[in-house]
Amino acid sequence: MGTLNLKIMDSLTKVFPDEEPAGAESLSISALRGETVSAVVAYWGDPDERKNWKVEVEAPEGLAVRLRSVELVPSSYPCHVRQDDNYLRTKPGLFPDLLRELDTVEGAYAVQDVPGQWRSLWLDVCSARTGGAEPAGAAAFCGDAKIVVRFCAEDGAEKHVTLDLHVVDADLPEQKLLHTEWFHSDCLADYYHVEAFSEEHWQILENFIRCYASRGINTILTPVVTPALDTEVGGERTTVQLVKIVKEGGSYSFDFTELKRWITLCEKYGITHFEMAHLFTQWGAKHAPKIMAWENGEYRRIFGWETSADGADYVEFLAQYLTALTGFLKEEGLQDKTFFHISDEPSQNDLEYYQRAREIVLPYIKGFQTVDALSDPLFYEKGLVELFAPANDHIEPFLKKKVEGLWTYYCTSQWKDVSNRFMSMPSARNRILGVQLYLYQIAGFLHWGFNFYNTQYSKKHLDPYAETAAGSVFPSGDSFLVYPGEGGIPEESVRLMVLYEAFEDIRAFELLESLAGRERVCELIGEGLEEPITFKNYPKDSAWLTGLRERVNAEIEKEIM
């Protein structure tokens, strides 16, 4: 069968083609029912002979298994000029990230090795929850299982690795923490060349929303009007406006039919909370977002960069628009599940503008919560937002002030010390977020890029398979979590799966808390550590993270026996 080096390892291992990964012939992990656990299978073929393999996965009945190829993608800008010491690689190159479905031949997966290079496969295993919807092919399962990944050569020779899985007799509880990855509806219309909110667009939206919700993302940015995000001053993004507006003189009428369709679609897949698109422009709240309306039979922009945030016409529009919108949301029973945004990432220099903008809209959104990504404590001291989302490298002052209902976020700027998910970072740096969110009782996590396929400021559209760094501006991995696959079907990434594991960790911690108390969970997390975990100081070894989950799962099993 020629030379084949085969290893299995935990999901936090990234396999580069020119570096032999640590691993073994078997791996042992545990899980709760309803939890998706993952492993990486690395393979290296004979440098003198390219070979095709039939790969089979054997698993007991009651477990849903899925095997995908981990594809290399190009990174022209893997990190900023300055870095800390917790990066895997800092030079442009190829990074393992894209998860792609494998072709099948005669009921087996078809895999071709690349001579002299390491490549990898991503294995997912899930047992259904006893009280929840079952994954395809899975029934409730608990106990011990052996999953075998077998490589078969044409001459009948074979080699395999084994995942020994122990499923605890307890269901992973539903997710409580709110999680939003800003969903860019316009990028899907642009990439697939379909008209916004045409039937073709709606089908693509459904495909991406299904994926979005399946990975623990339960709150969604809703384009009632086109979101004023990452747009060049004076420029505009493709219109994605769910509300139909008709302007007659100084009066406006609003049709929320398409918004109703959006909400129904999102709720179908388990999304529970909705963020209304920002009411003012990004970085300062100085202007109106793009608003389109029908007037005298013409569909045109009635507000935009030319409109001051406190302009009389826009203030009057907001009074009518927000009155109608909040009325609709109340009728839909969404008052407690809706968040309004004023402006994204205002600085202290923008405080006066932000305060004025908030005062304009506050009378019309009473009873609804506002949340914004901002990191200056002065906004808190002046009481300008109900819910704060400071960046995770600026969260300490808010923690010291014991701010209620605190959210957090990270983006391109959070490159030093804190958790993030750039392709150039270890996966452990992605997954540690779950431990941190649990320890500090964070209520929500926000990120700006589920599927942003533009350059910075949306000056150009991109092919994210060829350019993963938004035009060599944002480190690869910052601007999107999924790739736009053929037929309008998203392709997931290693980073998305690891982030999902972080949120599954939180749910496991919460289950143990319900059984043994929060103090016991915190004790388990802190065992053996010389100093407390913060957002900047935490164990960087992936073995610590995987070991923690094993201890938590064992403690859960002990409590339920």
Foldseek 3Di string as FASTA:
>chain_A
DADKDKFKAALLDWFWFQDDDDGHQEAEAEEAAPDKGKIKMKMAGALVDKFKWFKDKDKDQQKDKAKWWFDWFWFCAQADPDFDPFFQDGHTDIFGKFTHHFDHDPRTGIDIHHRSTMTMMMMIMHGHDQPDDGDVRHYHDFAWMKMKIKIAGPVGDIDIGIYIYGYFHHHLDDFQFAEEAEDQLLLLCVVVVHAAPDPLSVVLVLQVLLVCLVLPHQEYEDPCWHAQPLADQVGATRTHHQWAWADDPLDIDIDNPSVVVVVVSNVVNRRQAYEYHAQAHAAARQFGPFDWYAYPNDIDTPGHSVGGLPDPSSLSVLQNVLLVVVVVCVVVVCQARYEYEHYEAYDPVRVVSLQVNLVSNVVSSPSHAYEYEYQDCVCVVVPSGLEYAYEQVRCVVVLVVVRPQYEYEHAQVPRYQFADQRSRGRLLSLLCVLVQCLVSVHRYYYAHAAPDQAARNRPDGHQCSHYQASVNPGNRPGHHQWHQDPPSRTTGISSSNSNSVSSSVNSLLVLVCVQPNNVVSLCLLCPPDPDDDGRRDDDSDVCSVSVSVRVSSVSSSVRVD
